[in-house]
Amino acid sequence: KYSQNDAKAIKEAIESKTKTLFDEVEVVYLTGEKVTKANILAAAQKIKKKAKLTDTVLFYISTHGRAARGKLYLVPYNNKSVKDWIDFEETFHAIQ
């Protein structure tokens, strides 16, 4: 509930305020059941293919996390199994 509200507030702020700073603003917005490991990594790949070195990319995520086996995981909507959790380091590398 709170994570979705936070994400919506950030999305709206970016869409309304950053147009004065940037020529073009594109938002990839995932909430609720769309927040899965596959969808987040697919969005990261889409951004990686499109973004140029001169672009500014803001990656914002509001979710719960868990530590397990010495790693930090983001817990997506479909969080029933550890295999569905998102390795934070894997996500970070995917958006670099």
PDB file of N, CA and C in Angstrom:
ATOM      1  N   LYS A   1       0.829  -1.185   0.000  1.00  0.00           N
ATOM      2  CA  LYS A   1       0.000   0.000   0.000  1.00  0.00           C
ATOM      3  C   LYS A   1       0.879   1.256   0.000  1.00  0.00           C
ATOM      4  N   TYR A   2       1.800   1.367   0.940  1.00  0.00           N
ATOM      5  CA  TYR A   2       2.630   2.571   1.046  1.00  0.00           C
ATOM      6  C   TYR A   2       3.652   2.647  -0.079  1.00  0.00           C
ATOM      7  N   SER A   3       4.201   1.511  -0.463  1.00  0.00           N
ATOM      8  CA  SER A   3       5.167   1.490  -1.551  1.00  0.00           C
ATOM      9  C   SER A   3       4.533   1.990  -2.843  1.00  0.00           C
ATOM     10  N   GLN A   4       3.329   1.562  -3.118  1.00  0.00           N
ATOM     11  CA  GLN A   4       2.641   1.981  -4.340  1.00  0.00           C
ATOM     12  C   GLN A   4       2.352   3.483  -4.299  1.00  0.00           C
ATOM     13  N   ASN A   5       1.944   3.998  -3.137  1.00  0.00           N
ATOM     14  CA  ASN A   5       1.702   5.436  -3.005  1.00  0.00           C
ATOM     15  C   ASN A   5       2.991   6.228  -3.215  1.00  0.00           C
ATOM     16  N   ASP A   6       4.098   5.731  -2.662  1.00  0.00           N
ATOM     17  CA  ASP A   6       5.393   6.391  -2.841  1.00  0.00           C
ATOM     18  C   ASP A   6       5.791   6.417  -4.313  1.00  0.00           C
ATOM     19  N   ALA A   7       5.636   5.288  -4.985  1.00  0.00           N
ATOM     20  CA  ALA A   7       6.005   5.196  -6.401  1.00  0.00           C
ATOM     21  C   ALA A   7       5.161   6.147  -7.244  1.00  0.00           C
ATOM     22  N   LYS A   8       3.887   6.235  -6.946  1.00  0.00           N
ATOM     23  CA  LYS A   8       3.000   7.131  -7.690  1.00  0.00           C
ATOM     24  C   LYS A   8       3.403   8.591  -7.475  1.00  0.00           C
ATOM     25  N   ALA A   9       3.733   8.955  -6.249  1.00  0.00           N
ATOM     26  CA  ALA A   9       4.143  10.330  -5.950  1.00  0.00           C
ATOM     27  C   ALA A   9       5.432  10.698  -6.688  1.00  0.00           C
ATOM     28  N   ILE A  10       6.387   9.784  -6.722  1.00  0.00           N
ATOM     29  CA  ILE A  10       7.639  10.030  -7.440  1.00  0.00           C
ATOM     30  C   ILE A  10       7.371  10.156  -8.933  1.00  0.00           C
ATOM     31  N   LYS A  11       6.556   9.273  -9.484  1.00  0.00           N
ATOM     32  CA  LYS A  11       6.203   9.319 -10.908  1.00  0.00           C
ATOM     33  C   LYS A  11       5.591  10.659 -11.271  1.00  0.00           C
ATOM     34  N   GLU A  12       4.623  11.097 -10.474  1.00  0.00           N
ATOM     35  CA  GLU A  12       3.947  12.365 -10.761  1.00  0.00           C
ATOM     36  C   GLU A  12       4.897  13.550 -10.635  1.00  0.00           C
ATOM     37  N   ALA A  13       5.785  13.517  -9.662  1.00  0.00           N
ATOM     38  CA  ALA A  13       6.756  14.597  -9.502  1.00  0.00           C
ATOM     39  C   ALA A  13       7.704  14.651 -10.691  1.00  0.00           C
ATOM     40  N   ILE A  14       8.152  13.504 -11.139  1.00  0.00           N
ATOM     41  CA  ILE A  14       9.067  13.457 -12.292  1.00  0.00           C
ATOM     42  C   ILE A  14       8.363  13.972 -13.543  1.00  0.00           C
ATOM     43  N   GLU A  15       7.165  13.519 -13.763  1.00  0.00           N
ATOM     44  CA  GLU A  15       6.434  13.922 -14.975  1.00  0.00           C
ATOM     45  C   GLU A  15       6.104  15.410 -14.981  1.00  0.00           C
ATOM     46  N   SER A  16       5.832  15.983 -13.827  1.00  0.00           N
ATOM     47  CA  SER A  16       5.417  17.387 -13.805  1.00  0.00           C
ATOM     48  C   SER A  16       6.577  18.372 -13.665  1.00  0.00           C
ATOM     49  N   LYS A  17       7.617  18.007 -12.964  1.00  0.00           N
ATOM     50  CA  LYS A  17       8.675  18.971 -12.670  1.00  0.00           C
ATOM     51  C   LYS A  17       9.922  18.848 -13.535  1.00  0.00           C
ATOM     52  N   THR A  18      10.228  17.667 -14.025  1.00  0.00           N
ATOM     53  CA  THR A  18      11.489  17.501 -14.748  1.00  0.00           C
ATOM     54  C   THR A  18      11.424  17.972 -16.193  1.00  0.00           C
ATOM     55  N   LYS A  19      10.244  18.229 -16.710  1.00  0.00           N
ATOM     56  CA  LYS A  19      10.148  18.703 -18.097  1.00  0.00           C
ATOM     57  C   LYS A  19      10.805  20.068 -18.275  1.00  0.00           C
ATOM     58  N   THR A  20      10.981  20.793 -17.191  1.00  0.00           N
ATOM     59  CA  THR A  20      11.688  22.068 -17.287  1.00  0.00           C
ATOM     60  C   THR A  20      13.200  21.848 -17.344  1.00  0.00           C
ATOM     61  N   LEU A  21      13.662  20.699 -16.925  1.00  0.00           N
ATOM     62  CA  LEU A  21      15.093  20.389 -16.930  1.00  0.00           C
ATOM     63  C   LEU A  21      15.532  19.577 -18.136  1.00  0.00           C
ATOM     64  N   PHE A  22      14.621  18.765 -18.684  1.00  0.00           N
ATOM     65  CA  PHE A  22      14.968  17.839 -19.756  1.00  0.00           C
ATOM     66  C   PHE A  22      14.034  18.027 -20.943  1.00  0.00           C
ATOM     67  N   ASP A  23      14.549  17.788 -22.135  1.00  0.00           N
ATOM     68  CA  ASP A  23      13.733  17.882 -23.346  1.00  0.00           C
ATOM     69  C   ASP A  23      12.685  16.783 -23.395  1.00  0.00           C
ATOM     70  N   GLU A  24      13.044  15.608 -22.925  1.00  0.00           N
ATOM     71  CA  GLU A  24      12.143  14.455 -22.985  1.00  0.00           C
ATOM     72  C   GLU A  24      12.229  13.692 -21.669  1.00  0.00           C
ATOM     73  N   VAL A  25      11.089  13.262 -21.188  1.00  0.00           N
ATOM     74  CA  VAL A  25      11.026  12.462 -19.965  1.00  0.00           C
ATOM     75  C   VAL A  25      10.220  11.209 -20.266  1.00  0.00           C
ATOM     76  N   GLU A  26      10.788  10.065 -19.961  1.00  0.00           N
ATOM     77  CA  GLU A  26      10.089   8.793 -20.154  1.00  0.00           C
ATOM     78  C   GLU A  26      10.087   8.052 -18.829  1.00  0.00           C
ATOM     79  N   VAL A  27       8.922   7.625 -18.403  1.00  0.00           N
ATOM     80  CA  VAL A  27       8.783   6.932 -17.123  1.00  0.00           C
ATOM     81  C   VAL A  27       8.337   5.504 -17.375  1.00  0.00           C
ATOM     82  N   VAL A  28       9.043   4.549 -16.781  1.00  0.00           N
ATOM     83  CA  VAL A  28       8.615   3.153 -16.769  1.00  0.00           C
ATOM     84  C   VAL A  28       8.056   2.940 -15.363  1.00  0.00           C
ATOM     85  N   TYR A  29       6.785   2.658 -15.287  1.00  0.00           N
ATOM     86  CA  TYR A  29       6.071   2.630 -14.005  1.00  0.00           C
ATOM     87  C   TYR A  29       5.475   1.245 -13.787  1.00  0.00           C
ATOM     88  N   LEU A  30       5.971   0.555 -12.782  1.00  0.00           N
ATOM     89  CA  LEU A  30       5.473  -0.784 -12.462  1.00  0.00           C
ATOM     90  C   LEU A  30       4.943  -0.781 -11.033  1.00  0.00           C
ATOM     91  N   THR A  31       3.703  -1.224 -10.863  1.00  0.00           N
ATOM     92  CA  THR A  31       3.137  -1.340  -9.522  1.00  0.00           C
ATOM     93  C   THR A  31       2.334  -2.632  -9.435  1.00  0.00           C
ATOM     94  N   GLY A  32       2.019  -3.001  -8.200  1.00  0.00           N
ATOM     95  CA  GLY A  32       1.170  -4.173  -7.963  1.00  0.00           C
ATOM     96  C   GLY A  32       1.729  -5.435  -8.586  1.00  0.00           C
ATOM     97  N   GLU A  33       0.864  -6.172  -9.252  1.00  0.00           N
ATOM     98  CA  GLU A  33       1.265  -7.468  -9.798  1.00  0.00           C
ATOM     99  C   GLU A  33       2.249  -7.349 -10.960  1.00  0.00           C
ATOM    100  N   LYS A  34       2.478  -6.142 -11.465  1.00  0.00           N
ATOM    101  CA  LYS A  34       3.465  -5.937 -12.529  1.00  0.00           C
ATOM    102  C   LYS A  34       4.899  -5.921 -11.978  1.00  0.00           C
ATOM    103  N   VAL A  35       5.035  -5.817 -10.665  1.00  0.00           N
ATOM    104  CA  VAL A  35       6.357  -5.779 -10.045  1.00  0.00           C
ATOM    105  C   VAL A  35       6.844  -7.205  -9.822  1.00  0.00           C
ATOM    106  N   THR A  36       7.443  -7.752 -10.880  1.00  0.00           N
ATOM    107  CA  THR A  36       8.035  -9.088 -10.806  1.00  0.00           C
ATOM    108  C   THR A  36       9.501  -8.979 -11.222  1.00  0.00           C
ATOM    109  N   LYS A  37      10.254  -9.981 -10.895  1.00  0.00           N
ATOM    110  CA  LYS A  37      11.664 -10.018 -11.276  1.00  0.00           C
ATOM    111  C   LYS A  37      11.806  -9.873 -12.784  1.00  0.00           C
ATOM    112  N   ALA A  38      11.028 -10.621 -13.540  1.00  0.00           N
ATOM    113  CA  ALA A  38      11.111 -10.584 -15.002  1.00  0.00           C
ATOM    114  C   ALA A  38      10.791  -9.191 -15.546  1.00  0.00           C
ATOM    115  N   ASN A  39       9.744  -8.557 -15.025  1.00  0.00           N
ATOM    116  CA  ASN A  39       9.354  -7.234 -15.520  1.00  0.00           C
ATOM    117  C   ASN A  39      10.368  -6.150 -15.163  1.00  0.00           C
ATOM    118  N   ILE A  40      10.931  -6.219 -13.965  1.00  0.00           N
ATOM    119  CA  ILE A  40      11.931  -5.225 -13.567  1.00  0.00           C
ATOM    120  C   ILE A  40      13.185  -5.379 -14.414  1.00  0.00           C
ATOM    121  N   LEU A  41      13.649  -6.599 -14.605  1.00  0.00           N
ATOM    122  CA  LEU A  41      14.849  -6.809 -15.420  1.00  0.00           C
ATOM    123  C   LEU A  41      14.594  -6.463 -16.888  1.00  0.00           C
ATOM    124  N   ALA A  42      13.381  -6.727 -17.390  1.00  0.00           N
ATOM    125  CA  ALA A  42      13.044  -6.353 -18.769  1.00  0.00           C
ATOM    126  C   ALA A  42      13.030  -4.833 -18.927  1.00  0.00           C
ATOM    127  N   ALA A  43      12.494  -4.133 -17.947  1.00  0.00           N
ATOM    128  CA  ALA A  43      12.479  -2.666 -17.992  1.00  0.00           C
ATOM    129  C   ALA A  43      13.904  -2.118 -17.957  1.00  0.00           C
ATOM    130  N   ALA A  44      14.755  -2.725 -17.132  1.00  0.00           N
ATOM    131  CA  ALA A  44      16.159  -2.298 -17.059  1.00  0.00           C
ATOM    132  C   ALA A  44      16.848  -2.498 -18.403  1.00  0.00           C
ATOM    133  N   GLN A  45      16.589  -3.615 -19.063  1.00  0.00           N
ATOM    134  CA  GLN A  45      17.195  -3.874 -20.370  1.00  0.00           C
ATOM    135  C   GLN A  45      16.697  -2.882 -21.422  1.00  0.00           C
ATOM    136  N   LYS A  46      15.420  -2.540 -21.366  1.00  0.00           N
ATOM    137  CA  LYS A  46      14.847  -1.572 -22.302  1.00  0.00           C
ATOM    138  C   LYS A  46      15.531  -0.215 -22.135  1.00  0.00           C
ATOM    139  N   ILE A  47      15.697   0.193 -20.905  1.00  0.00           N
ATOM    140  CA  ILE A  47      16.361   1.467 -20.620  1.00  0.00           C
ATOM    141  C   ILE A  47      17.816   1.415 -21.068  1.00  0.00           C
ATOM    142  N   LYS A  48      18.475   0.307 -20.771  1.00  0.00           N
ATOM    143  CA  LYS A  48      19.889   0.152 -21.127  1.00  0.00           C
ATOM    144  C   LYS A  48      20.091   0.271 -22.642  1.00  0.00           C
ATOM    145  N   LYS A  49      19.179  -0.281 -23.423  1.00  0.00           N
ATOM    146  CA  LYS A  49      19.294  -0.222 -24.887  1.00  0.00           C
ATOM    147  C   LYS A  49      19.028   1.174 -25.421  1.00  0.00           C
ATOM    148  N   LYS A  50      18.140   1.910 -24.771  1.00  0.00           N
ATOM    149  CA  LYS A  50      17.714   3.206 -25.289  1.00  0.00           C
ATOM    150  C   LYS A  50      18.540   4.381 -24.772  1.00  0.00           C
ATOM    151  N   ALA A  51      18.968   4.331 -23.534  1.00  0.00           N
ATOM    152  CA  ALA A  51      19.654   5.466 -22.907  1.00  0.00           C
ATOM    153  C   ALA A  51      21.047   5.675 -23.491  1.00  0.00           C
ATOM    154  N   LYS A  52      21.401   6.936 -23.599  1.00  0.00           N
ATOM    155  CA  LYS A  52      22.729   7.319 -24.076  1.00  0.00           C
ATOM    156  C   LYS A  52      23.564   7.800 -22.892  1.00  0.00           C
ATOM    157  N   LEU A  53      24.845   7.933 -23.097  1.00  0.00           N
ATOM    158  CA  LEU A  53      25.731   8.374 -22.018  1.00  0.00           C
ATOM    159  C   LEU A  53      25.357   9.758 -21.490  1.00  0.00           C
ATOM    160  N   THR A  54      24.781  10.579 -22.323  1.00  0.00           N
ATOM    161  CA  THR A  54      24.415  11.940 -21.910  1.00  0.00           C
ATOM    162  C   THR A  54      23.044  12.006 -21.227  1.00  0.00           C
ATOM    163  N   ASP A  55      22.321  10.908 -21.177  1.00  0.00           N
ATOM    164  CA  ASP A  55      21.000  10.877 -20.544  1.00  0.00           C
ATOM    165  C   ASP A  55      21.114  10.739 -19.031  1.00  0.00           C
ATOM    166  N   THR A  56      20.098  11.175 -18.354  1.00  0.00           N
ATOM    167  CA  THR A  56      19.984  10.984 -16.913  1.00  0.00           C
ATOM    168  C   THR A  56      18.962   9.887 -16.678  1.00  0.00           C
ATOM    169  N   VAL A  57      19.338   8.889 -15.894  1.00  0.00           N
ATOM    170  CA  VAL A  57      18.430   7.781 -15.591  1.00  0.00           C
ATOM    171  C   VAL A  57      18.243   7.744 -14.076  1.00  0.00           C
ATOM    172  N   LEU A  58      17.007   7.779 -13.654  1.00  0.00           N
ATOM    173  CA  LEU A  58      16.670   7.667 -12.247  1.00  0.00           C
ATOM    174  C   LEU A  58      15.958   6.334 -12.068  1.00  0.00           C
ATOM    175  N   PHE A  59      16.504   5.492 -11.225  1.00  0.00           N
ATOM    176  CA  PHE A  59      15.885   4.203 -10.921  1.00  0.00           C
ATOM    177  C   PHE A  59      15.359   4.306  -9.500  1.00  0.00           C
ATOM    178  N   TYR A  60      14.050   4.290  -9.350  1.00  0.00           N
ATOM    179  CA  TYR A  60      13.423   4.400  -8.036  1.00  0.00           C
ATOM    180  C   TYR A  60      12.604   3.149  -7.801  1.00  0.00           C
ATOM    181  N   ILE A  61      12.800   2.566  -6.646  1.00  0.00           N
ATOM    182  CA  ILE A  61      11.995   1.402  -6.284  1.00  0.00           C
ATOM    183  C   ILE A  61      11.589   1.549  -4.825  1.00  0.00           C
ATOM    184  N   SER A  62      10.344   1.262  -4.566  1.00  0.00           N
ATOM    185  CA  SER A  62       9.817   1.318  -3.216  1.00  0.00           C
ATOM    186  C   SER A  62       9.187  -0.033  -2.930  1.00  0.00           C
ATOM    187  N   THR A  63       9.874  -0.827  -2.142  1.00  0.00           N
ATOM    188  CA  THR A  63       9.398  -2.176  -1.845  1.00  0.00           C
ATOM    189  C   THR A  63      10.029  -2.653  -0.546  1.00  0.00           C
ATOM    190  N   HIS A  64       9.700  -3.822  -0.161  1.00  0.00           N
ATOM    191  CA  HIS A  64      10.326  -4.439   0.992  1.00  0.00           C
ATOM    192  C   HIS A  64      11.563  -5.194   0.526  1.00  0.00           C
ATOM    193  N   GLY A  65      12.460  -5.419   1.439  1.00  0.00           N
ATOM    194  CA  GLY A  65      13.658  -6.178   1.128  1.00  0.00           C
ATOM    195  C   GLY A  65      13.879  -7.254   2.169  1.00  0.00           C
ATOM    196  N   ARG A  66      14.738  -8.169   1.810  1.00  0.00           N
ATOM    197  CA  ARG A  66      15.102  -9.246   2.725  1.00  0.00           C
ATOM    198  C   ARG A  66      16.575  -9.547   2.545  1.00  0.00           C
ATOM    199  N   ALA A  67      17.206  -9.923   3.594  1.00  0.00           N
ATOM    200  CA  ALA A  67      18.587 -10.393   3.528  1.00  0.00           C
ATOM    201  C   ALA A  67      18.556 -11.908   3.685  1.00  0.00           C
ATOM    202  N   ALA A  68      19.270 -12.595   2.805  1.00  0.00           N
ATOM    203  CA  ALA A  68      19.354 -14.051   2.879  1.00  0.00           C
ATOM    204  C   ALA A  68      20.650 -14.488   2.225  1.00  0.00           C
ATOM    205  N   ARG A  69      21.302 -15.437   2.832  1.00  0.00           N
ATOM    206  CA  ARG A  69      22.541 -15.992   2.289  1.00  0.00           C
ATOM    207  C   ARG A  69      23.584 -14.917   1.987  1.00  0.00           C
ATOM    208  N   GLY A  70      23.633 -13.883   2.821  1.00  0.00           N
ATOM    209  CA  GLY A  70      24.628 -12.839   2.658  1.00  0.00           C
ATOM    210  C   GLY A  70      24.343 -11.850   1.540  1.00  0.00           C
ATOM    211  N   LYS A  71      23.135 -11.853   1.023  1.00  0.00           N
ATOM    212  CA  LYS A  71      22.753 -10.936  -0.057  1.00  0.00           C
ATOM    213  C   LYS A  71      21.496 -10.179   0.324  1.00  0.00           C
ATOM    214  N   LEU A  72      21.322  -9.017  -0.327  1.00  0.00           N
ATOM    215  CA  LEU A  72      20.119  -8.232  -0.139  1.00  0.00           C
ATOM    216  C   LEU A  72      19.202  -8.457  -1.326  1.00  0.00           C
ATOM    217  N   TYR A  73      17.949  -8.757  -1.054  1.00  0.00           N
ATOM    218  CA  TYR A  73      16.967  -9.017  -2.099  1.00  0.00           C
ATOM    219  C   TYR A  73      15.824  -8.024  -2.011  1.00  0.00           C
ATOM    220  N   LEU A  74      15.330  -7.607  -3.165  1.00  0.00           N
ATOM    221  CA  LEU A  74      14.093  -6.849  -3.248  1.00  0.00           C
ATOM    222  C   LEU A  74      12.970  -7.872  -3.342  1.00  0.00           C
ATOM    223  N   VAL A  75      11.887  -7.633  -2.643  1.00  0.00           N
ATOM    224  CA  VAL A  75      10.789  -8.595  -2.609  1.00  0.00           C
ATOM    225  C   VAL A  75       9.656  -8.068  -3.490  1.00  0.00           C
ATOM    226  N   PRO A  76       9.442  -8.694  -4.652  1.00  0.00           N
ATOM    227  CA  PRO A  76       8.417  -8.241  -5.584  1.00  0.00           C
ATOM    228  C   PRO A  76       7.028  -8.742  -5.207  1.00  0.00           C
ATOM    229  N   TYR A  77       6.073  -8.413  -6.047  1.00  0.00           N
ATOM    230  CA  TYR A  77       4.684  -8.804  -5.831  1.00  0.00           C
ATOM    231  C   TYR A  77       4.536 -10.317  -5.705  1.00  0.00           C
ATOM    232  N   ASN A  78       5.155 -11.047  -6.624  1.00  0.00           N
ATOM    233  CA  ASN A  78       5.062 -12.523  -6.605  1.00  0.00           C
ATOM    234  C   ASN A  78       6.194 -13.094  -5.749  1.00  0.00           C
ATOM    235  N   ASN A  79       6.121 -12.869  -4.452  1.00  0.00           N
ATOM    236  CA  ASN A  79       7.237 -13.158  -3.559  1.00  0.00           C
ATOM    237  C   ASN A  79       7.152 -14.483  -2.817  1.00  0.00           C
ATOM    238  N   LYS A  80       6.350 -15.379  -3.275  1.00  0.00           N
ATOM    239  CA  LYS A  80       6.143 -16.635  -2.547  1.00  0.00           C
ATOM    240  C   LYS A  80       7.409 -17.494  -2.447  1.00  0.00           C
ATOM    241  N   SER A  81       8.268 -17.413  -3.446  1.00  0.00           N
ATOM    242  CA  SER A  81       9.459 -18.248  -3.486  1.00  0.00           C
ATOM    243  C   SER A  81      10.710 -17.373  -3.551  1.00  0.00           C
ATOM    244  N   VAL A  82      11.775 -17.839  -2.927  1.00  0.00           N
ATOM    245  CA  VAL A  82      13.046 -17.111  -2.966  1.00  0.00           C
ATOM    246  C   VAL A  82      13.514 -16.896  -4.403  1.00  0.00           C
ATOM    247  N   LYS A  83      13.189 -17.817  -5.309  1.00  0.00           N
ATOM    248  CA  LYS A  83      13.621 -17.678  -6.706  1.00  0.00           C
ATOM    249  C   LYS A  83      12.974 -16.470  -7.379  1.00  0.00           C
ATOM    250  N   ASP A  84      11.872 -15.972  -6.812  1.00  0.00           N
ATOM    251  CA  ASP A  84      11.200 -14.791  -7.346  1.00  0.00           C
ATOM    252  C   ASP A  84      11.753 -13.488  -6.771  1.00  0.00           C
ATOM    253  N   TRP A  85      12.535 -13.581  -5.717  1.00  0.00           N
ATOM    254  CA  TRP A  85      13.126 -12.383  -5.142  1.00  0.00           C
ATOM    255  C   TRP A  85      14.169 -11.837  -6.113  1.00  0.00           C
ATOM    256  N   ILE A  86      14.451 -10.559  -6.001  1.00  0.00           N
ATOM    257  CA  ILE A  86      15.344  -9.896  -6.942  1.00  0.00           C
ATOM    258  C   ILE A  86      16.640  -9.533  -6.227  1.00  0.00           C
ATOM    259  N   ASP A  87      17.714 -10.126  -6.676  1.00  0.00           N
ATOM    260  CA  ASP A  87      19.036  -9.848  -6.124  1.00  0.00           C
ATOM    261  C   ASP A  87      19.363  -8.383  -6.424  1.00  0.00           C
ATOM    262  N   PHE A  88      19.526  -7.575  -5.382  1.00  0.00           N
ATOM    263  CA  PHE A  88      19.764  -6.147  -5.567  1.00  0.00           C
ATOM    264  C   PHE A  88      21.004  -5.895  -6.415  1.00  0.00           C
ATOM    265  N   GLU A  89      22.052  -6.662  -6.185  1.00  0.00           N
ATOM    266  CA  GLU A  89      23.295  -6.488  -6.967  1.00  0.00           C
ATOM    267  C   GLU A  89      23.057  -6.811  -8.450  1.00  0.00           C
ATOM    268  N   GLU A  90      22.262  -7.858  -8.731  1.00  0.00           N
ATOM    269  CA  GLU A  90      21.933  -8.208 -10.112  1.00  0.00           C
ATOM    270  C   GLU A  90      21.167  -7.067 -10.790  1.00  0.00           C
ATOM    271  N   THR A  91      20.239  -6.478 -10.062  1.00  0.00           N
ATOM    272  CA  THR A  91      19.461  -5.361 -10.594  1.00  0.00           C
ATOM    273  C   THR A  91      20.354  -4.163 -10.837  1.00  0.00           C
ATOM    274  N   PHE A  92      21.234  -3.869  -9.912  1.00  0.00           N
ATOM    275  CA  PHE A  92      22.150  -2.747 -10.044  1.00  0.00           C
ATOM    276  C   PHE A  92      23.030  -2.918 -11.291  1.00  0.00           C
ATOM    277  N   HIS A  93      23.543  -4.112 -11.490  1.00  0.00           N
ATOM    278  CA  HIS A  93      24.371  -4.365 -12.680  1.00  0.00           C
ATOM    279  C   HIS A  93      23.552  -4.288 -13.965  1.00  0.00           C
ATOM    280  N   ALA A  94      22.298  -4.690 -13.913  1.00  0.00           N
ATOM    281  CA  ALA A  94      21.456  -4.657 -15.112  1.00  0.00           C
ATOM    282  C   ALA A  94      21.188  -3.229 -15.587  1.00  0.00           C
ATOM    283  N   ILE A  95      21.182  -2.271 -14.678  1.00  0.00           N
ATOM    284  CA  ILE A  95      20.900  -0.891 -15.075  1.00  0.00           C
ATOM    285  C   ILE A  95      22.154  -0.065 -15.300  1.00  0.00           C
ATOM    286  N   GLN A  96      23.324  -0.631 -15.101  1.00  0.00           N
ATOM    287  CA  GLN A  96      24.569   0.126 -15.337  1.00  0.00           C
ATOM    288  C   GLN A  96      24.822   0.288 -16.812  1.00  0.00           C
TER     289      GLN A  96
END
